[in-house]
C-alpha atoms as a PDB file:
ATOM      1  CA  MET A   1       0.113  -0.203  -0.098  1.00  0.00           C
ATOM      2  CA  PHE A   2       1.605   3.643  -0.929  1.00  0.00           C
ATOM      3  CA  SER A   3       0.297   6.779   1.137  1.00  0.00           C
ATOM      4  CA  LEU A   4       2.391   9.930   0.888  1.00  0.00           C
ATOM      5  CA  ASP A   5       4.377   8.574   3.716  1.00  0.00           C
ATOM      6  CA  SER A   6       5.953   6.250   0.596  1.00  0.00           C
ATOM      7  CA  LYS A   7       9.080   7.116  -0.270  1.00  0.00           C
ATOM      8  CA  ILE A   8       8.934   8.903  -3.771  1.00  0.00           C
ATOM      9  CA  GLU A   9      11.267   6.429  -5.193  1.00  0.00           C
ATOM     10  CA  ASP A  10       9.027   3.544  -4.568  1.00  0.00           C
ATOM     11  CA  ILE A  11       5.972   5.559  -5.716  1.00  0.00           C
ATOM     12  CA  LEU A  12       7.973   6.325  -9.118  1.00  0.00           C
ATOM     13  CA  ASN A  13       8.962   2.660  -9.716  1.00  0.00           C
ATOM     14  CA  ASN A  14       4.945   1.927  -9.364  1.00  0.00           C
ATOM     15  CA  PRO A  15       3.127   2.871 -12.303  1.00  0.00           C
ATOM     16  CA  ALA A  16      -0.088   2.904 -10.904  1.00  0.00           C
ATOM     17  CA  ALA A  17       1.295   5.044  -8.121  1.00  0.00           C
ATOM     18  CA  LYS A  18       3.112   7.306 -10.334  1.00  0.00           C
ATOM     19  CA  GLY A  19      -0.029   8.080 -12.591  1.00  0.00           C
ATOM     20  CA  VAL A  20      -1.769   9.358  -9.454  1.00  0.00           C
ATOM     21  CA  LEU A  21       1.396  11.968  -9.056  1.00  0.00           C
ATOM     22  CA  GLU A  22       1.332  12.771 -12.680  1.00  0.00           C
ATOM     23  CA  LYS A  23      -2.431  13.214 -12.494  1.00  0.00           C
ATOM     24  CA  TYR A  24      -3.023  15.600  -9.187  1.00  0.00           C
ATOM     25  CA  LEU A  25       0.682  16.727  -9.567  1.00  0.00           C
ATOM     26  CA  PRO A  26       1.653  17.039 -13.116  1.00  0.00           C
ATOM     27  CA  LYS A  27       5.358  18.937 -13.029  1.00  0.00           C
ATOM     28  CA  ILE A  28       5.959  17.478  -9.856  1.00  0.00           C
ATOM     29  CA  THR A  29       8.134  13.769 -11.426  1.00  0.00           C
ATOM     30  CA  ASP A  30       9.998  16.550 -13.370  1.00  0.00           C
ATOM     31  CA  ASN A  31      11.202  18.743 -10.316  1.00  0.00           C
ATOM     32  CA  PRO A  32      14.980  18.098  -9.597  1.00  0.00           C
ATOM     33  CA  VAL A  33      14.673  18.588  -6.313  1.00  0.00           C
ATOM     34  CA  VAL A  34      12.584  15.480  -6.025  1.00  0.00           C
ATOM     35  CA  ASN A  35      14.616  13.353  -8.049  1.00  0.00           C
ATOM     36  CA  LEU A  36      17.359  14.336  -5.179  1.00  0.00           C
ATOM     37  CA  ALA A  37      15.131  13.444  -2.646  1.00  0.00           C
ATOM     38  CA  LYS A  38      13.961   9.993  -4.206  1.00  0.00           C
ATOM     39  CA  GLY A  39      15.004   8.549  -0.564  1.00  0.00           C
ATOM     40  CA  LYS A  40      12.187  10.964   1.636  1.00  0.00           C
ATOM     41  CA  SER A  41       8.642  10.884   1.438  1.00  0.00           C
ATOM     42  CA  LEU A  42       5.949  12.518  -0.662  1.00  0.00           C
ATOM     43  CA  ARG A  43       5.116  14.474   2.817  1.00  0.00           C
ATOM     44  CA  GLU A  44       8.974  15.036   3.295  1.00  0.00           C
ATOM     45  CA  ILE A  45       9.536  16.633   0.458  1.00  0.00           C
ATOM     46  CA  ALA A  46       6.152  18.795   0.600  1.00  0.00           C
ATOM     47  CA  ALA A  47       7.578  20.085   3.965  1.00  0.00           C
ATOM     48  CA  MET A  48      10.583  21.168   1.770  1.00  0.00           C
ATOM     49  CA  LEU A  49       9.330  22.626  -0.448  1.00  0.00           C
ATOM     50  CA  PRO A  50       6.399  25.545  -0.564  1.00  0.00           C
ATOM     51  CA  LEU A  51       3.456  24.107  -2.468  1.00  0.00           C
ATOM     52  CA  LYS A  52       3.005  26.755  -4.215  1.00  0.00           C
ATOM     53  CA  GLN A  53       6.295  26.701  -5.729  1.00  0.00           C
ATOM     54  CA  LEU A  54       5.195  23.013  -7.363  1.00  0.00           C
ATOM     55  CA  GLY A  55       2.258  24.552  -8.444  1.00  0.00           C
ATOM     56  CA  VAL A  56      -0.099  22.263  -5.669  1.00  0.00           C
ATOM     57  CA  LYS A  57      -2.899  22.863  -3.578  1.00  0.00           C
ATOM     58  CA  GLN A  58      -3.570  21.698  -0.654  1.00  0.00           C
ATOM     59  CA  ASP A  59      -6.369  19.642  -1.166  1.00  0.00           C
ATOM     60  CA  ALA A  60      -4.295  18.042  -4.184  1.00  0.00           C
ATOM     61  CA  LEU A  61      -1.938  16.518  -1.621  1.00  0.00           C
ATOM     62  CA  GLU A  62      -4.819  15.087   0.300  1.00  0.00           C
ATOM     63  CA  ASN A  63      -6.261  13.823  -2.831  1.00  0.00           C
ATOM     64  CA  VAL A  64      -2.855  11.685  -3.913  1.00  0.00           C
ATOM     65  CA  ASP A  65      -2.879  10.234  -0.410  1.00  0.00           C
ATOM     66  CA  LYS A  66      -6.591   8.822  -0.890  1.00  0.00           C
ATOM     67  CA  ASP A  67      -5.546   7.517  -4.601  1.00  0.00           C
ATOM     68  CA  LEU A  68      -2.436   6.615  -3.208  1.00  0.00           C
ATOM     69  CA  LYS A  69      -4.043   4.166  -0.502  1.00  0.00           C
ATOM     70  CA  GLN A  70      -6.108   2.708  -3.285  1.00  0.00           C
ATOM     71  CA  ILE A  71      -3.436   0.649  -4.851  1.00  0.00           C
ATOM     72  CA  LYS A  72      -2.525  -2.579  -3.647  1.00  0.00           C
END
């Protein structure tokens, strides 16, 4: 199961989980900081970077978490 607490590397390595990111956070997979922080969770990355800088609204993270938790 995935969530905001999953490592970004694990999310990016799973096609279904990566699809969730691309659905709600289309710019995040191209962000160089995200690629440098693959060992961190999405929640940790969101705390490090201002969400506005990534073009992310807070409710997008909640939707990501909800959809990630649906993946088995």
